[in-house]
Amino acid sequence: MPSLCDRDTAYAFAAERIMEAEIEVRTGAAKGAQTPTREIQRNGYRDRDWDARAGRDALEIPKLRKGSYFPRFLEQRRTAEKALVAFIQEAYVYGVSTRSVDDLVKAMGRGGM
């Protein structure tokens, strides 16, 4: 685990500590610990960008061999993505041109549709 000095922000440091604690609860053992009752093993990490208030951070989200894990603090991003999809669907229903919707999506900071 990198130290606070190695990370870009304190947000990323705190996020990694939260993820490690959640994974320890989920697997029933600390990272690298051998226990006979452990049923779920870790299986590396996957990279994910996290847009925090202090800027964008690259997080390493732990993977599991059985099941899946997604940190709770990243749910807000999913909610924003769901809202964007709902907006696009509503624009389609009301007959707004796709070019106008695409321009608006680009103005919101996304790459477009």
C-alpha atoms as a PDB file:
ATOM      1  CA  MET A   1       0.000   0.000   0.000  1.00  0.00           C
ATOM      2  CA  PRO A   2       1.514   3.349  -1.014  1.00  0.00           C
ATOM      3  CA  SER A   3       2.077   5.968   1.657  1.00  0.00           C
ATOM      4  CA  LEU A   4       0.336   9.326   1.719  1.00  0.00           C
ATOM      5  CA  CYS A   5       3.425  10.961   0.230  1.00  0.00           C
ATOM      6  CA  ASP A   6       3.225   8.698  -2.845  1.00  0.00           C
ATOM      7  CA  ARG A   7      -0.397   9.546  -3.658  1.00  0.00           C
ATOM      8  CA  ASP A   8      -1.706  12.619  -5.450  1.00  0.00           C
ATOM      9  CA  THR A   9      -4.288  13.589  -2.845  1.00  0.00           C
ATOM     10  CA  ALA A  10      -5.484  12.698   0.599  1.00  0.00           C
ATOM     11  CA  TYR A  11      -8.771  11.656  -1.032  1.00  0.00           C
ATOM     12  CA  ALA A  12      -7.073   8.801  -2.885  1.00  0.00           C
ATOM     13  CA  PHE A  13      -5.244   7.718   0.263  1.00  0.00           C
ATOM     14  CA  ALA A  14      -8.481   7.649   2.266  1.00  0.00           C
ATOM     15  CA  ALA A  15     -10.340   5.887  -0.566  1.00  0.00           C
ATOM     16  CA  GLU A  16      -7.745   3.101  -0.707  1.00  0.00           C
ATOM     17  CA  ARG A  17      -7.926   2.623   3.071  1.00  0.00           C
ATOM     18  CA  ILE A  18     -11.732   2.382   2.908  1.00  0.00           C
ATOM     19  CA  MET A  19     -11.565  -0.158   0.074  1.00  0.00           C
ATOM     20  CA  GLU A  20      -9.010  -2.279   1.937  1.00  0.00           C
ATOM     21  CA  ALA A  21     -11.217  -2.298   5.058  1.00  0.00           C
ATOM     22  CA  GLU A  22     -14.306  -3.278   3.032  1.00  0.00           C
ATOM     23  CA  ILE A  23     -12.410  -6.080   1.270  1.00  0.00           C
ATOM     24  CA  GLU A  24     -11.056  -7.408   4.589  1.00  0.00           C
ATOM     25  CA  VAL A  25     -14.613  -7.639   5.909  1.00  0.00           C
ATOM     26  CA  ARG A  26     -15.811  -9.280   2.683  1.00  0.00           C
ATOM     27  CA  THR A  27     -13.035 -11.882   2.519  1.00  0.00           C
ATOM     28  CA  GLY A  28     -12.688 -12.411   6.260  1.00  0.00           C
ATOM     29  CA  ALA A  29      -8.910 -11.892   6.259  1.00  0.00           C
ATOM     30  CA  ALA A  30      -6.346  -9.164   5.792  1.00  0.00           C
ATOM     31  CA  LYS A  31      -4.336  -8.898   2.582  1.00  0.00           C
ATOM     32  CA  GLY A  32      -1.836 -11.763   2.390  1.00  0.00           C
ATOM     33  CA  ALA A  33      -3.145 -13.496   5.527  1.00  0.00           C
ATOM     34  CA  GLN A  34      -3.729 -17.251   5.400  1.00  0.00           C
ATOM     35  CA  THR A  35      -6.870 -18.434   7.215  1.00  0.00           C
ATOM     36  CA  PRO A  36      -8.612 -21.818   6.920  1.00  0.00           C
ATOM     37  CA  THR A  37     -12.104 -20.260   6.919  1.00  0.00           C
ATOM     38  CA  ARG A  38     -11.441 -17.903   4.014  1.00  0.00           C
ATOM     39  CA  GLU A  39     -13.774 -18.577   1.085  1.00  0.00           C
ATOM     40  CA  ILE A  40     -13.067 -15.574  -1.114  1.00  0.00           C
ATOM     41  CA  GLN A  41      -9.625 -14.703  -2.426  1.00  0.00           C
ATOM     42  CA  ARG A  42      -8.370 -11.499  -3.968  1.00  0.00           C
ATOM     43  CA  ASN A  43      -7.569 -11.444  -7.651  1.00  0.00           C
ATOM     44  CA  GLY A  44      -5.546  -8.318  -8.351  1.00  0.00           C
ATOM     45  CA  TYR A  45      -6.789  -4.804  -9.023  1.00  0.00           C
ATOM     46  CA  ARG A  46      -8.552  -2.879 -11.754  1.00  0.00           C
ATOM     47  CA  ASP A  47      -7.921   0.769 -12.517  1.00  0.00           C
ATOM     48  CA  ARG A  48     -10.669   3.357 -12.302  1.00  0.00           C
ATOM     49  CA  ASP A  49     -10.495   7.134 -12.503  1.00  0.00           C
ATOM     50  CA  TRP A  50     -12.244   8.928  -9.664  1.00  0.00           C
ATOM     51  CA  ASP A  51     -13.360  12.530 -10.047  1.00  0.00           C
ATOM     52  CA  ALA A  52     -13.063  13.985  -6.558  1.00  0.00           C
ATOM     53  CA  ARG A  53     -13.464  17.616  -5.584  1.00  0.00           C
ATOM     54  CA  ALA A  54      -9.691  18.030  -5.493  1.00  0.00           C
ATOM     55  CA  GLY A  55      -9.248  16.614  -9.003  1.00  0.00           C
ATOM     56  CA  ARG A  56      -9.053  13.311 -10.798  1.00  0.00           C
ATOM     57  CA  ASP A  57      -7.327  10.373  -9.108  1.00  0.00           C
ATOM     58  CA  ALA A  58      -6.480   6.928 -10.422  1.00  0.00           C
ATOM     59  CA  LEU A  59      -7.776   4.303  -7.992  1.00  0.00           C
ATOM     60  CA  GLU A  60      -6.889   0.622  -7.873  1.00  0.00           C
ATOM     61  CA  ILE A  61     -10.086  -1.223  -6.996  1.00  0.00           C
ATOM     62  CA  PRO A  62      -9.512  -4.726  -5.580  1.00  0.00           C
ATOM     63  CA  LYS A  63     -10.958  -7.644  -7.542  1.00  0.00           C
ATOM     64  CA  LEU A  64     -12.274 -10.905  -6.087  1.00  0.00           C
ATOM     65  CA  ARG A  65     -12.165 -14.407  -7.553  1.00  0.00           C
ATOM     66  CA  LYS A  66     -15.797 -15.089  -6.562  1.00  0.00           C
ATOM     67  CA  GLY A  67     -18.416 -12.372  -6.790  1.00  0.00           C
ATOM     68  CA  SER A  68     -17.710  -8.727  -7.325  1.00  0.00           C
ATOM     69  CA  TYR A  69     -16.780  -5.653  -5.355  1.00  0.00           C
ATOM     70  CA  PHE A  70     -17.576  -2.019  -6.039  1.00  0.00           C
ATOM     71  CA  PRO A  71     -16.820   0.701  -3.466  1.00  0.00           C
ATOM     72  CA  ARG A  72     -19.825   2.475  -1.997  1.00  0.00           C
ATOM     73  CA  PHE A  73     -18.308   5.939  -2.319  1.00  0.00           C
ATOM     74  CA  LEU A  74     -18.260   5.621  -6.125  1.00  0.00           C
ATOM     75  CA  GLU A  75     -22.037   5.161  -6.309  1.00  0.00           C
ATOM     76  CA  GLN A  76     -22.536   8.901  -6.818  1.00  0.00           C
ATOM     77  CA  ARG A  77     -20.849   8.644 -10.178  1.00  0.00           C
ATOM     78  CA  ARG A  78     -23.242   5.908 -11.177  1.00  0.00           C
ATOM     79  CA  THR A  79     -26.171   8.106 -10.155  1.00  0.00           C
ATOM     80  CA  ALA A  80     -24.859  10.931 -12.347  1.00  0.00           C
ATOM     81  CA  GLU A  81     -24.480   8.552 -15.284  1.00  0.00           C
ATOM     82  CA  LYS A  82     -28.040   7.285 -14.773  1.00  0.00           C
ATOM     83  CA  ALA A  83     -29.298  10.880 -14.743  1.00  0.00           C
ATOM     84  CA  LEU A  84     -27.480  11.582 -18.028  1.00  0.00           C
ATOM     85  CA  VAL A  85     -29.046   8.509 -19.653  1.00  0.00           C
ATOM     86  CA  ALA A  86     -32.501   9.540 -18.370  1.00  0.00           C
ATOM     87  CA  PHE A  87     -31.956  13.022 -19.840  1.00  0.00           C
ATOM     88  CA  ILE A  88     -31.052  11.590 -23.239  1.00  0.00           C
ATOM     89  CA  GLN A  89     -34.087   9.303 -23.187  1.00  0.00           C
ATOM     90  CA  GLU A  90     -36.403  12.173 -22.304  1.00  0.00           C
ATOM     91  CA  ALA A  91     -34.918  14.354 -25.042  1.00  0.00           C
ATOM     92  CA  TYR A  92     -35.591  11.558 -27.538  1.00  0.00           C
ATOM     93  CA  VAL A  93     -39.223  11.225 -26.387  1.00  0.00           C
ATOM     94  CA  TYR A  94     -39.798  14.979 -26.782  1.00  0.00           C
ATOM     95  CA  GLY A  95     -38.194  15.013 -30.233  1.00  0.00           C
ATOM     96  CA  VAL A  96     -35.119  17.091 -29.472  1.00  0.00           C
ATOM     97  CA  SER A  97     -32.590  16.732 -32.278  1.00  0.00           C
ATOM     98  CA  THR A  98     -29.685  14.407 -31.646  1.00  0.00           C
ATOM     99  CA  ARG A  99     -27.259  17.143 -32.713  1.00  0.00           C
ATOM    100  CA  SER A 100     -28.592  19.465 -29.974  1.00  0.00           C
ATOM    101  CA  VAL A 101     -28.412  16.706 -27.372  1.00  0.00           C
ATOM    102  CA  ASP A 102     -24.870  15.818 -28.481  1.00  0.00           C
ATOM    103  CA  ASP A 103     -23.792  19.472 -28.192  1.00  0.00           C
ATOM    104  CA  LEU A 104     -25.267  19.677 -24.698  1.00  0.00           C
ATOM    105  CA  VAL A 105     -23.583  16.435 -23.602  1.00  0.00           C
ATOM    106  CA  LYS A 106     -20.244  17.776 -24.867  1.00  0.00           C
ATOM    107  CA  ALA A 107     -20.832  21.042 -22.981  1.00  0.00           C
ATOM    108  CA  MET A 108     -21.357  18.997 -19.803  1.00  0.00           C
ATOM    109  CA  GLY A 109     -17.816  17.627 -20.140  1.00  0.00           C
ATOM    110  CA  ARG A 110     -18.544  14.268 -21.734  1.00  0.00           C
ATOM    111  CA  GLY A 111     -17.094  13.164 -25.038  1.00  0.00           C
ATOM    112  CA  GLY A 112     -20.454  13.114 -26.757  1.00  0.00           C
ATOM    113  CA  MET A 113     -22.972  10.414 -27.478  1.00  0.00           C
END
